[in-house]
């Protein structure tokens, strides 16, 4: 199982801090570097310039998104941006996509709220055509550059339910399970992995799908308080944006969060037990020393 380290995307920080995260992650032993995005959120960075900077500043690690809302974007422009990043990185980009959980991200850019899943499927097809250098307009030039990776940049789908898995099996190389980032449940992840495999088989896919998941962690001087404060801040923003405290906006029980060394070790052990191919560690601080703490705890 590979372990990928996340960037402090939702936390206020400056250029020097961001570059320190790139350097520390690329020094190893992490398999990858992952960023994620909320559009309508204080201090949230944009994935395209962030990944472009990471591509230029790193040499080794895989670059991930986990996950970005694809239907809010123009697929031709997004495909061009990502192909440029793939060239800058020497072919190290993996694109995690989903429909997103927040309508305000759609409304802020004037995107429609209907047919989100269908429009994601359509966007994937458009982006693949762009990467294959098929002109978007008949009789016109293609949109370059072409990605370094043969066949284009791989898609990983951030989906959960059976219908969404069936759709993802048509175009993704695997699934990123978004349901356990705060409540890590190895048994539930193992069951979901089996559902992913079955969806791939039902679609006639013979290869084994890549299966991954993110988990928030905290290792600072007071890790429980560190993660609790971030979760409270995150949920306060979401409740304000949505105007409700129902459903997925209900804050989790702080006692179940993956805090401290024991929580991180439990998440890694559980991920291996569940058969994950990749575990992505999402920090709850912008302090680059959190990377060193994680290495020490994991003994890597």
Protein backbone atom coordinates (compact mmCIF):
# COMPACT_ATOMS: atom_id res chain seq x y z
CA UNK A 1 0.00 0.00 0.00
CA UNK A 2 1.24 3.48 -0.91
CA UNK A 3 0.89 6.48 1.41
CA UNK A 4 0.40 9.95 -0.05
CA UNK A 5 0.73 13.20 1.90
CA UNK A 6 -1.74 16.05 1.53
CA UNK A 7 -1.14 19.78 1.29
CA UNK A 8 -2.61 22.27 3.81
CA UNK A 9 -5.06 23.55 1.20
CA UNK A 10 -7.79 24.85 3.54
CA UNK A 11 -5.46 26.62 5.98
CA UNK A 12 -4.10 30.16 5.74
CA UNK A 13 -0.41 30.02 4.83
CA UNK A 14 2.15 31.80 2.68
CA UNK A 15 4.47 31.01 -0.21
CA UNK A 16 7.39 29.83 1.91
CA UNK A 17 5.16 27.43 3.84
CA UNK A 18 3.67 25.99 0.66
CA UNK A 19 7.09 25.44 -0.89
CA UNK A 20 8.31 23.79 2.30
CA UNK A 21 5.49 21.25 2.01
CA UNK A 22 6.49 20.47 -1.59
CA UNK A 23 10.13 19.94 -0.64
CA UNK A 24 9.45 17.81 2.42
CA UNK A 25 6.96 15.59 0.62
CA UNK A 26 9.21 15.10 -2.39
CA UNK A 27 12.15 14.17 -0.16
CA UNK A 28 10.25 11.02 0.71
CA UNK A 29 9.19 8.47 1.58
CA UNK A 30 5.72 9.51 0.43
CA UNK A 31 4.43 8.03 -2.82
CA UNK A 32 2.50 11.12 -3.76
CA UNK A 33 1.36 14.65 -3.01
CA UNK A 34 -2.36 15.40 -2.95
CA UNK A 35 -4.41 18.57 -2.98
CA UNK A 36 -8.16 19.09 -2.86
CA UNK A 37 -10.48 22.02 -3.42
CA UNK A 38 -13.47 23.92 -2.14
CA UNK A 39 -14.38 26.90 -4.29
CA UNK A 40 -16.50 28.84 -1.79
CA UNK A 41 -14.34 28.59 1.31
CA UNK A 42 -11.97 30.99 3.11
CA UNK A 43 -8.25 30.43 2.39
CA UNK A 44 -8.90 27.53 -0.03
CA UNK A 45 -6.27 27.43 -2.77
CA UNK A 46 -7.01 26.69 -6.44
CA UNK A 47 -5.81 23.29 -7.62
CA UNK A 48 -4.52 24.28 -11.07
CA UNK A 49 -1.86 26.84 -10.06
CA UNK A 50 -1.08 24.83 -6.94
CA UNK A 51 -0.42 21.66 -8.94
CA UNK A 52 1.56 23.62 -11.53
CA UNK A 53 3.82 24.92 -8.77
CA UNK A 54 4.13 21.44 -7.26
CA UNK A 55 4.96 19.98 -10.68
CA UNK A 56 7.79 22.47 -11.10
CA UNK A 57 9.11 22.12 -7.54
CA UNK A 58 9.08 18.31 -7.26
CA UNK A 59 10.83 15.54 -9.16
CA UNK A 60 9.58 12.24 -7.78
CA UNK A 61 6.14 12.10 -6.20
CA UNK A 62 2.84 11.41 -7.92
CA UNK A 63 0.54 14.48 -8.01
CA UNK A 64 -3.12 13.94 -7.09
CA UNK A 65 -6.37 15.84 -6.79
CA UNK A 66 -8.88 14.44 -4.30
CA UNK A 67 -11.47 15.31 -5.45
CA UNK A 68 -12.46 18.29 -7.59
CA UNK A 69 -16.00 19.04 -8.76
CA UNK A 70 -15.77 18.44 -12.49
CA UNK A 71 -19.21 19.76 -13.59
CA UNK A 72 -18.42 23.33 -12.45
CA UNK A 73 -15.56 23.58 -14.98
CA UNK A 74 -15.17 24.09 -18.70
CA UNK A 75 -13.80 20.69 -19.72
CA UNK A 76 -11.72 21.95 -22.66
CA UNK A 77 -9.94 24.62 -20.61
CA UNK A 78 -9.51 22.25 -17.67
CA UNK A 79 -8.09 19.56 -19.95
CA UNK A 80 -5.58 22.05 -21.38
CA UNK A 81 -4.53 23.22 -17.91
CA UNK A 82 -4.06 19.66 -16.67
CA UNK A 83 -2.17 18.54 -19.76
CA UNK A 84 0.22 21.44 -19.18
CA UNK A 85 0.71 20.27 -15.59
CA UNK A 86 1.30 16.72 -16.79
CA UNK A 87 4.04 18.00 -19.11
CA UNK A 88 5.56 20.12 -16.32
CA UNK A 89 5.60 17.11 -14.00
CA UNK A 90 6.93 14.66 -16.56
CA UNK A 91 3.72 12.61 -16.51
CA UNK A 92 3.01 12.38 -12.77
CA UNK A 93 -0.59 13.61 -12.54
CA UNK A 94 -3.68 11.67 -11.40
CA UNK A 95 -7.04 13.44 -11.46
CA UNK A 96 -9.58 12.69 -8.74
CA UNK A 97 -13.01 13.98 -9.74
CA UNK A 98 -16.55 13.97 -8.44
CA UNK A 99 -19.70 16.07 -8.52
CA UNK A 100 -18.96 17.82 -5.23
CA UNK A 101 -21.22 18.08 -2.21
CA UNK A 102 -21.92 21.81 -2.16
CA UNK A 103 -24.35 23.61 -4.46
CA UNK A 104 -22.82 27.01 -3.66
CA UNK A 105 -19.70 26.04 -5.61
CA UNK A 106 -21.93 25.62 -8.67
CA UNK A 107 -23.94 28.78 -8.07
CA UNK A 108 -20.81 30.90 -7.56
CA UNK A 109 -19.63 30.21 -11.12
CA UNK A 110 -23.06 30.11 -12.74
CA UNK A 111 -23.00 26.36 -13.30
CA UNK A 112 -26.26 24.46 -13.55
CA UNK A 113 -27.36 22.21 -10.71
CA UNK A 114 -29.13 19.66 -12.89
CA UNK A 115 -27.65 16.51 -14.47
CA UNK A 116 -24.45 16.72 -12.43
CA UNK A 117 -23.51 13.07 -12.90
CA UNK A 118 -24.34 13.04 -16.59
CA UNK A 119 -22.35 16.23 -17.14
CA UNK A 120 -19.38 14.71 -15.32
CA UNK A 121 -19.49 11.73 -17.70
CA UNK A 122 -19.71 14.11 -20.65
CA UNK A 123 -16.80 16.22 -19.35
CA UNK A 124 -14.60 13.14 -19.02
CA UNK A 125 -15.29 12.24 -22.65
CA UNK A 126 -14.50 15.78 -23.82
CA UNK A 127 -11.26 15.90 -21.85
CA UNK A 128 -10.13 12.55 -23.21
CA UNK A 129 -10.76 13.76 -26.75
CA UNK A 130 -8.73 16.90 -26.06
CA UNK A 131 -5.84 14.83 -24.69
CA UNK A 132 -6.03 12.55 -27.75
CA UNK A 133 -5.54 15.69 -29.87
CA UNK A 134 -8.96 15.45 -31.46
CA UNK A 135 -10.01 19.00 -32.51
CA UNK A 136 -13.05 20.25 -30.55
CA UNK A 137 -14.31 21.88 -33.77
CA UNK A 138 -14.38 20.09 -37.11
CA UNK A 139 -11.78 21.44 -39.48
CA UNK A 140 -9.86 23.27 -36.75
CA UNK A 141 -6.62 22.66 -34.88
CA UNK A 142 -6.43 20.47 -31.75
CA UNK A 143 -6.02 21.87 -28.25
CA UNK A 144 -2.51 21.27 -26.96
CA UNK A 145 -0.35 20.29 -25.31
CA UNK A 146 -0.82 16.55 -25.28
CA UNK A 147 -0.22 14.93 -21.87
CA UNK A 148 2.96 12.97 -21.34
CA UNK A 149 1.05 9.91 -20.10
CA UNK A 150 -0.01 7.56 -22.85
CA UNK A 151 -3.79 7.49 -23.10
CA UNK A 152 -4.14 10.72 -21.16
CA UNK A 153 -4.24 11.62 -17.49
CA UNK A 154 -5.91 8.88 -15.41
CA UNK A 155 -9.22 9.64 -13.71
CA UNK A 156 -10.09 8.42 -10.22
CA UNK A 157 -13.75 8.80 -9.26
CA UNK A 158 -14.83 10.13 -5.87
CA UNK A 159 -18.09 8.20 -5.70
CA UNK A 160 -19.93 5.93 -3.26
CA UNK A 161 -23.31 4.53 -4.34
CA UNK A 162 -23.99 1.66 -6.76
CA UNK A 163 -25.24 3.84 -9.62
CA UNK A 164 -22.26 6.18 -9.28
CA UNK A 165 -19.88 3.22 -9.18
CA UNK A 166 -21.45 1.79 -12.34
CA UNK A 167 -20.91 5.10 -14.12
CA UNK A 168 -17.33 5.43 -12.87
CA UNK A 169 -16.54 1.93 -14.09
CA UNK A 170 -17.02 3.22 -17.63
CA UNK A 171 -14.16 5.74 -17.48
CA UNK A 172 -12.12 5.72 -14.24
CA UNK A 173 -9.04 3.70 -13.30
CA UNK A 174 -10.34 3.43 -9.76
CA UNK A 175 -12.28 4.96 -6.89
CA UNK A 176 -11.41 7.29 -4.05
CA UNK A 177 -13.81 6.60 -1.20
CA UNK A 178 -14.78 9.94 0.38
CA UNK A 179 -16.87 8.56 3.22
CA UNK A 180 -14.24 7.75 5.85
CA UNK A 181 -11.95 10.79 6.02
CA UNK A 182 -12.91 11.42 9.65
CA UNK A 183 -14.41 8.09 10.74
CA UNK A 184 -11.99 5.46 9.47
CA UNK A 185 -13.76 2.09 9.33
CA UNK A 186 -11.65 -0.74 7.90
CA UNK A 187 -14.55 -3.18 7.63
CA UNK A 188 -16.73 -0.66 5.78
CA UNK A 189 -13.85 0.19 3.44
CA UNK A 190 -13.22 -3.49 2.69
CA UNK A 191 -16.90 -3.94 1.85
CA UNK A 192 -16.82 -0.88 -0.39
CA UNK A 193 -13.72 -2.18 -2.14
CA UNK A 194 -15.60 -5.36 -3.00
CA UNK A 195 -18.48 -3.29 -4.41
CA UNK A 196 -16.00 -1.35 -6.55
CA UNK A 197 -14.50 -4.58 -7.90
CA UNK A 198 -17.97 -5.92 -8.69
CA UNK A 199 -18.89 -2.70 -10.52
CA UNK A 200 -15.76 -3.05 -12.65
CA UNK A 201 -16.60 -6.69 -13.44
CA UNK A 202 -20.17 -5.78 -14.35
CA UNK A 203 -18.81 -3.19 -16.78
CA UNK A 204 -16.65 -5.83 -18.46
CA UNK A 205 -13.42 -4.47 -17.04
CA UNK A 206 -10.76 -7.14 -16.49
CA UNK A 207 -8.20 -5.02 -14.64
CA UNK A 208 -8.41 -4.56 -10.87
CA UNK A 209 -9.61 -1.04 -9.99
CA UNK A 210 -7.35 1.20 -7.94
CA UNK A 211 -8.95 1.81 -4.54
CA UNK A 212 -7.95 4.64 -2.23
CA UNK A 213 -9.23 6.86 0.55
CA UNK A 214 -8.26 10.02 2.44
CA UNK A 215 -8.05 10.42 6.21
CA UNK A 216 -7.58 13.54 8.31
CA UNK A 217 -4.85 13.34 10.94
CA UNK A 218 -3.30 15.51 13.66
CA UNK A 219 0.06 15.06 15.41
CA UNK A 220 0.80 18.47 16.94
CA UNK A 221 1.42 19.22 20.63
CA UNK A 222 -2.33 18.85 21.30
CA UNK A 223 -3.54 16.71 18.38
CA UNK A 224 -7.08 16.19 19.63
CA UNK A 225 -7.66 19.92 20.05
CA UNK A 226 -5.94 20.61 16.72
CA UNK A 227 -8.26 18.34 14.79
CA UNK A 228 -11.35 19.34 16.76
CA UNK A 229 -10.73 23.01 16.01
CA UNK A 230 -10.31 22.33 12.32
CA UNK A 231 -13.41 20.15 12.14
CA UNK A 232 -15.45 22.77 14.01
CA UNK A 233 -14.17 25.52 11.71
CA UNK A 234 -14.91 23.41 8.64
CA UNK A 235 -18.40 22.51 9.76
CA UNK A 236 -19.20 26.07 10.86
CA UNK A 237 -18.38 27.30 7.36
CA UNK A 238 -20.45 24.55 5.76
CA UNK A 239 -23.45 25.11 8.03
CA UNK A 240 -23.29 28.84 7.29
CA UNK A 241 -23.12 28.20 3.56
CA UNK A 242 -25.95 25.68 3.49
CA UNK A 243 -28.09 27.22 6.20
CA UNK A 244 -28.77 23.87 7.83
CA UNK A 245 -27.26 21.40 10.27
CA UNK A 246 -28.73 18.28 8.75
CA UNK A 247 -27.29 15.28 6.93
CA UNK A 248 -23.63 15.36 6.08
CA UNK A 249 -23.32 18.79 7.76
CA UNK A 250 -23.74 17.28 11.21
CA UNK A 251 -20.35 17.61 12.95
CA UNK A 252 -18.76 14.27 13.85
CA UNK A 253 -18.24 13.07 17.40
CA UNK A 254 -14.80 14.42 18.34
CA UNK A 255 -14.03 11.22 20.22
CA UNK A 256 -14.01 9.24 16.97
CA UNK A 257 -11.49 11.45 15.12
CA UNK A 258 -8.11 10.03 14.12
CA UNK A 259 -6.05 12.05 16.60
CA UNK A 260 -2.45 11.58 17.63
CA UNK A 261 -0.01 8.78 16.90
CA UNK A 262 -2.43 6.02 17.84
CA UNK A 263 -5.10 7.38 15.50
CA UNK A 264 -2.71 7.64 12.58
CA UNK A 265 -1.32 4.15 13.14
CA UNK A 266 -4.85 2.76 13.41
CA UNK A 267 -5.80 4.40 10.10
CA UNK A 268 -2.76 3.00 8.30
CA UNK A 269 -3.30 -0.49 9.73
CA UNK A 270 -6.99 -0.32 8.86
CA UNK A 271 -6.25 0.80 5.32
CA UNK A 272 -3.94 -2.17 4.78
CA UNK A 273 -6.53 -4.50 6.29
CA UNK A 274 -9.20 -3.10 3.96
CA UNK A 275 -7.02 -3.70 0.90
CA UNK A 276 -6.43 -0.08 -0.07
CA UNK A 277 -3.92 0.59 -2.81
CA UNK A 278 -3.33 4.13 -1.57
CA UNK A 279 -4.00 6.02 1.67
CA UNK A 280 -3.92 9.81 1.52
CA UNK A 281 -3.07 11.64 4.73
CA UNK A 282 -4.81 15.02 4.99
CA UNK A 283 -3.18 17.40 7.49
CA UNK A 284 -5.13 19.57 9.92
CA UNK A 285 -2.44 22.25 10.14
CA UNK A 286 -0.23 24.27 7.80
CA UNK A 287 2.87 23.54 9.90
CA UNK A 288 5.36 21.66 7.65
CA UNK A 289 6.77 19.92 10.74
CA UNK A 290 3.62 17.78 10.68
CA UNK A 291 5.25 15.84 7.84
CA UNK A 292 8.25 14.98 10.03
CA UNK A 293 5.95 13.96 12.87
CA UNK A 294 4.08 11.59 10.55
CA UNK A 295 7.32 10.02 9.35
CA UNK A 296 8.44 9.47 12.93
CA UNK A 297 5.14 7.91 13.99
CA UNK A 298 5.04 5.60 10.97
CA UNK A 299 8.74 4.74 11.17
CA UNK A 300 9.37 5.53 7.52
